[in-house]
Amino acid sequence: MTRPSFIIATADVPEEEGHYPQSDETLGFSRPVGSAAGLQRIGLHLERVPPGQRISYPHCHSEAEEFVLVLEGEVDAWIDGALHRMRKGDLAAFPAGTGVCHTFINNGTAEALLLGGGDHRKPGDRIYYPQNPERRPQLRPELWWDDAPLGPQGPHDGQPSRG
């Protein structure tokens, strides 16, 4: 019997180096395993994060929910300008519309592996980058979340430690 196309070997999904337009920063390495298995409404990625890298710029979404589960290693969850250590088995969830800005940074010495997921191309979704306003002109105007309900922001700049 032939194996169905929705059962995949995640190791066979090509890894993509993450980056933003007009930036030289490498943002970890992602395998889009959800789309490879045929998911259309849920984005699901295996994120390999070497030491000194992060998975994204700090951001929040108006309509899309997201989550990150630590599969291996440790990372710092950057939440509204403060770092929170996460270890294997820890889960962070971000309901839509909360204005909770986040990213995940590997400030350690060993690689980390994360499972990240959320709504894929949610209609009406807008995004806000508190540390990276240069993203605004790179997006269509309707995609920038002008009135994100931000809470107090801590002092951390969202950048990985460099040594």
C-alpha atoms as a PDB file:
ATOM      1  CA  MET A   1       0.000   0.000   0.000  1.00  0.00           C
ATOM      2  CA  THR A   2       1.309   3.465  -0.882  1.00  0.00           C
ATOM      3  CA  ARG A   3       1.972   5.831   2.005  1.00  0.00           C
ATOM      4  CA  PRO A   4      -0.411   8.840   1.893  1.00  0.00           C
ATOM      5  CA  SER A   5       1.077  12.213   0.955  1.00  0.00           C
ATOM      6  CA  PHE A   6       0.045  13.748   4.305  1.00  0.00           C
ATOM      7  CA  ILE A   7       2.519  11.493   6.153  1.00  0.00           C
ATOM      8  CA  ILE A   8       5.981  12.958   5.663  1.00  0.00           C
ATOM      9  CA  ALA A   9       9.512  12.550   6.938  1.00  0.00           C
ATOM     10  CA  THR A  10      10.284  16.003   8.319  1.00  0.00           C
ATOM     11  CA  ALA A  11      13.999  15.475   7.670  1.00  0.00           C
ATOM     12  CA  ASP A  12      13.180  15.324   3.939  1.00  0.00           C
ATOM     13  CA  VAL A  13      11.664  18.829   3.972  1.00  0.00           C
ATOM     14  CA  PRO A  14      14.345  21.277   2.791  1.00  0.00           C
ATOM     15  CA  GLU A  15      15.592  23.713   5.385  1.00  0.00           C
ATOM     16  CA  GLU A  16      15.204  27.414   4.567  1.00  0.00           C
ATOM     17  CA  GLU A  17      17.485  30.089   5.996  1.00  0.00           C
ATOM     18  CA  GLY A  18      15.385  32.827   7.571  1.00  0.00           C
ATOM     19  CA  HIS A  19      15.922  36.518   6.836  1.00  0.00           C
ATOM     20  CA  TYR A  20      14.033  39.771   6.347  1.00  0.00           C
ATOM     21  CA  PRO A  21      14.304  41.986   3.252  1.00  0.00           C
ATOM     22  CA  GLN A  22      17.194  44.454   3.371  1.00  0.00           C
ATOM     23  CA  SER A  23      18.785  42.633   6.341  1.00  0.00           C
ATOM     24  CA  ASP A  24      21.937  40.525   6.477  1.00  0.00           C
ATOM     25  CA  GLU A  25      20.873  38.825   9.722  1.00  0.00           C
ATOM     26  CA  THR A  26      20.294  35.066   9.541  1.00  0.00           C
ATOM     27  CA  LEU A  27      17.191  34.144  11.533  1.00  0.00           C
ATOM     28  CA  GLY A  28      17.722  30.459  12.186  1.00  0.00           C
ATOM     29  CA  PHE A  29      16.725  27.695   9.807  1.00  0.00           C
ATOM     30  CA  SER A  30      13.153  26.583   9.162  1.00  0.00           C
ATOM     31  CA  ARG A  31      11.503  23.496   7.682  1.00  0.00           C
ATOM     32  CA  PRO A  32       7.914  24.291   6.575  1.00  0.00           C
ATOM     33  CA  VAL A  33       6.630  20.850   7.546  1.00  0.00           C
ATOM     34  CA  GLY A  34       2.947  21.813   7.686  1.00  0.00           C
ATOM     35  CA  SER A  35       2.724  22.890   4.065  1.00  0.00           C
ATOM     36  CA  ALA A  36       4.858  19.906   3.015  1.00  0.00           C
ATOM     37  CA  ALA A  37       2.227  17.637   4.600  1.00  0.00           C
ATOM     38  CA  GLY A  38      -0.607  19.549   2.930  1.00  0.00           C
ATOM     39  CA  LEU A  39      -1.829  21.905   5.665  1.00  0.00           C
ATOM     40  CA  GLN A  40      -3.389  25.050   4.206  1.00  0.00           C
ATOM     41  CA  ARG A  41      -4.744  26.934   7.242  1.00  0.00           C
ATOM     42  CA  ILE A  42      -2.076  26.137   9.823  1.00  0.00           C
ATOM     43  CA  GLY A  43       1.562  27.085   9.447  1.00  0.00           C
ATOM     44  CA  LEU A  44       3.847  24.539  11.110  1.00  0.00           C
ATOM     45  CA  HIS A  45       7.634  24.857  11.108  1.00  0.00           C
ATOM     46  CA  LEU A  46      10.587  23.081  12.663  1.00  0.00           C
ATOM     47  CA  GLU A  47      12.966  25.887  13.626  1.00  0.00           C
ATOM     48  CA  ARG A  48      16.668  25.076  14.137  1.00  0.00           C
ATOM     49  CA  VAL A  49      18.232  27.942  16.067  1.00  0.00           C
ATOM     50  CA  PRO A  50      22.040  28.010  16.346  1.00  0.00           C
ATOM     51  CA  PRO A  51      23.645  29.920  19.229  1.00  0.00           C
ATOM     52  CA  GLY A  52      23.561  33.683  18.692  1.00  0.00           C
ATOM     53  CA  GLN A  53      20.475  33.637  16.431  1.00  0.00           C
ATOM     54  CA  ARG A  54      16.753  34.275  16.790  1.00  0.00           C
ATOM     55  CA  ILE A  55      13.750  33.107  14.785  1.00  0.00           C
ATOM     56  CA  SER A  56      12.244  36.503  13.910  1.00  0.00           C
ATOM     57  CA  TYR A  57      12.134  40.161  14.747  1.00  0.00           C
ATOM     58  CA  PRO A  58       9.957  40.817  17.815  1.00  0.00           C
ATOM     59  CA  HIS A  59       6.365  41.096  16.600  1.00  0.00           C
ATOM     60  CA  CYS A  60       2.672  40.588  17.372  1.00  0.00           C
ATOM     61  CA  HIS A  61      -0.359  39.749  15.226  1.00  0.00           C
ATOM     62  CA  SER A  62      -3.873  41.169  15.201  1.00  0.00           C
ATOM     63  CA  GLU A  63      -5.683  38.055  13.908  1.00  0.00           C
ATOM     64  CA  ALA A  64      -3.205  35.164  13.755  1.00  0.00           C
ATOM     65  CA  GLU A  65      -2.492  32.933  16.731  1.00  0.00           C
ATOM     66  CA  GLU A  66       0.980  31.471  17.198  1.00  0.00           C
ATOM     67  CA  PHE A  67       2.772  29.009  19.451  1.00  0.00           C
ATOM     68  CA  VAL A  68       6.297  27.721  20.044  1.00  0.00           C
ATOM     69  CA  LEU A  69       7.217  24.416  21.690  1.00  0.00           C
ATOM     70  CA  VAL A  70      10.842  23.747  22.656  1.00  0.00           C
ATOM     71  CA  LEU A  71      11.772  20.271  21.377  1.00  0.00           C
ATOM     72  CA  GLU A  72      15.510  20.365  22.137  1.00  0.00           C
ATOM     73  CA  GLY A  73      17.851  22.762  23.900  1.00  0.00           C
ATOM     74  CA  GLU A  74      17.028  26.081  25.532  1.00  0.00           C
ATOM     75  CA  VAL A  75      15.994  29.492  24.235  1.00  0.00           C
ATOM     76  CA  ASP A  76      15.061  32.847  25.680  1.00  0.00           C
ATOM     77  CA  ALA A  77      11.517  33.928  24.912  1.00  0.00           C
ATOM     78  CA  TRP A  78      11.612  37.683  24.311  1.00  0.00           C
ATOM     79  CA  ILE A  79       8.242  38.895  25.572  1.00  0.00           C
ATOM     80  CA  ASP A  80       7.566  42.638  25.490  1.00  0.00           C
ATOM     81  CA  GLY A  81      11.213  43.494  26.114  1.00  0.00           C
ATOM     82  CA  ALA A  82      11.964  40.904  28.814  1.00  0.00           C
ATOM     83  CA  LEU A  83      13.681  37.513  28.492  1.00  0.00           C
ATOM     84  CA  HIS A  84      12.147  34.309  29.848  1.00  0.00           C
ATOM     85  CA  ARG A  85      14.171  31.068  29.694  1.00  0.00           C
ATOM     86  CA  MET A  86      12.432  28.124  28.034  1.00  0.00           C
ATOM     87  CA  ARG A  87      13.622  24.518  28.080  1.00  0.00           C
ATOM     88  CA  LYS A  88      12.663  21.262  26.371  1.00  0.00           C
ATOM     89  CA  GLY A  89       8.933  20.708  26.787  1.00  0.00           C
ATOM     90  CA  ASP A  90       8.054  24.364  27.460  1.00  0.00           C
ATOM     91  CA  LEU A  91       5.277  25.899  25.364  1.00  0.00           C
ATOM     92  CA  ALA A  92       4.510  29.565  24.698  1.00  0.00           C
ATOM     93  CA  ALA A  93       1.143  30.505  23.176  1.00  0.00           C
ATOM     94  CA  PHE A  94       0.138  33.852  21.696  1.00  0.00           C
ATOM     95  CA  PRO A  95      -3.598  34.387  21.187  1.00  0.00           C
ATOM     96  CA  ALA A  96      -4.509  36.799  18.402  1.00  0.00           C
ATOM     97  CA  GLY A  97      -5.034  40.467  19.138  1.00  0.00           C
ATOM     98  CA  THR A  98      -3.324  40.632  22.527  1.00  0.00           C
ATOM     99  CA  GLY A  99      -0.446  42.875  21.439  1.00  0.00           C
ATOM    100  CA  VAL A 100       2.026  40.607  23.221  1.00  0.00           C
ATOM    101  CA  CYS A 101       5.212  41.042  21.195  1.00  0.00           C
ATOM    102  CA  HIS A 102       7.558  38.081  20.998  1.00  0.00           C
ATOM    103  CA  THR A 103      10.491  36.267  19.446  1.00  0.00           C
ATOM    104  CA  PHE A 104      12.767  33.412  20.506  1.00  0.00           C
ATOM    105  CA  ILE A 105      16.516  33.884  20.902  1.00  0.00           C
ATOM    106  CA  ASN A 106      19.266  31.332  21.393  1.00  0.00           C
ATOM    107  CA  ASN A 107      21.677  33.053  23.770  1.00  0.00           C
ATOM    108  CA  GLY A 108      23.179  29.704  24.792  1.00  0.00           C
ATOM    109  CA  THR A 109      26.070  27.625  23.505  1.00  0.00           C
ATOM    110  CA  ALA A 110      24.122  24.700  21.991  1.00  0.00           C
ATOM    111  CA  GLU A 111      21.661  24.546  19.111  1.00  0.00           C
ATOM    112  CA  ALA A 112      17.933  24.562  19.903  1.00  0.00           C
ATOM    113  CA  LEU A 113      15.047  22.966  17.999  1.00  0.00           C
ATOM    114  CA  LEU A 114      11.572  24.494  18.151  1.00  0.00           C
ATOM    115  CA  LEU A 115       8.185  23.583  16.741  1.00  0.00           C
ATOM    116  CA  GLY A 116       6.407  26.773  15.767  1.00  0.00           C
ATOM    117  CA  GLY A 117       2.923  27.082  14.433  1.00  0.00           C
ATOM    118  CA  GLY A 118      -0.096  29.242  13.969  1.00  0.00           C
ATOM    119  CA  ASP A 119      -2.679  30.550  11.579  1.00  0.00           C
ATOM    120  CA  HIS A 120      -1.379  30.610   8.009  1.00  0.00           C
ATOM    121  CA  ARG A 121      -2.239  33.769   6.045  1.00  0.00           C
ATOM    122  CA  LYS A 122      -5.178  34.670   8.273  1.00  0.00           C
ATOM    123  CA  PRO A 123      -7.474  37.121   6.444  1.00  0.00           C
ATOM    124  CA  GLY A 124      -7.290  40.624   7.895  1.00  0.00           C
ATOM    125  CA  ASP A 125      -4.181  39.877   9.931  1.00  0.00           C
ATOM    126  CA  ARG A 126      -1.930  42.847  10.676  1.00  0.00           C
ATOM    127  CA  ILE A 127       1.508  42.779  12.265  1.00  0.00           C
ATOM    128  CA  TYR A 128       3.534  45.131  14.433  1.00  0.00           C
ATOM    129  CA  TYR A 129       7.331  45.140  14.934  1.00  0.00           C
ATOM    130  CA  PRO A 130       8.124  47.237  18.043  1.00  0.00           C
ATOM    131  CA  GLN A 131      11.913  47.102  17.581  1.00  0.00           C
ATOM    132  CA  ASN A 132      11.941  47.277  13.778  1.00  0.00           C
ATOM    133  CA  PRO A 133       9.879  50.203  12.434  1.00  0.00           C
ATOM    134  CA  GLU A 134      11.864  49.930   9.178  1.00  0.00           C
ATOM    135  CA  ARG A 135       9.570  46.982   8.346  1.00  0.00           C
ATOM    136  CA  ARG A 136       6.592  49.316   7.908  1.00  0.00           C
ATOM    137  CA  PRO A 137       7.489  50.596   4.402  1.00  0.00           C
ATOM    138  CA  GLN A 138       8.415  47.028   3.384  1.00  0.00           C
ATOM    139  CA  LEU A 139       4.801  45.901   3.956  1.00  0.00           C
ATOM    140  CA  ARG A 140       1.581  46.853   2.236  1.00  0.00           C
ATOM    141  CA  PRO A 141      -0.051  49.602   4.385  1.00  0.00           C
ATOM    142  CA  GLU A 142      -3.010  47.423   5.389  1.00  0.00           C
ATOM    143  CA  LEU A 143      -0.635  44.820   6.900  1.00  0.00           C
ATOM    144  CA  TRP A 144       0.887  47.160   9.517  1.00  0.00           C
ATOM    145  CA  TRP A 145      -0.893  47.092  12.915  1.00  0.00           C
ATOM    146  CA  ASP A 146      -0.948  50.783  13.903  1.00  0.00           C
ATOM    147  CA  ASP A 147      -3.081  50.425  17.018  1.00  0.00           C
ATOM    148  CA  ALA A 148      -1.628  47.263  18.598  1.00  0.00           C
ATOM    149  CA  PRO A 149      -2.660  47.194  22.307  1.00  0.00           C
ATOM    150  CA  LEU A 150       0.888  47.094  23.666  1.00  0.00           C
ATOM    151  CA  GLY A 151       1.597  46.530  27.321  1.00  0.00           C
ATOM    152  CA  PRO A 152       4.614  47.989  29.127  1.00  0.00           C
ATOM    153  CA  GLN A 153       7.827  47.272  27.233  1.00  0.00           C
ATOM    154  CA  GLY A 154      10.971  46.111  29.021  1.00  0.00           C
ATOM    155  CA  PRO A 155      14.540  47.225  28.270  1.00  0.00           C
ATOM    156  CA  HIS A 156      15.812  44.279  26.191  1.00  0.00           C
ATOM    157  CA  ASP A 157      16.302  45.181  22.498  1.00  0.00           C
ATOM    158  CA  GLY A 158      15.339  41.767  21.088  1.00  0.00           C
ATOM    159  CA  GLN A 159      18.840  41.081  19.757  1.00  0.00           C
ATOM    160  CA  PRO A 160      20.784  37.873  20.473  1.00  0.00           C
ATOM    161  CA  SER A 161      23.835  38.089  22.720  1.00  0.00           C
ATOM    162  CA  ARG A 162      26.964  38.083  20.614  1.00  0.00           C
ATOM    163  CA  GLY A 163      29.395  36.375  22.953  1.00  0.00           C
END
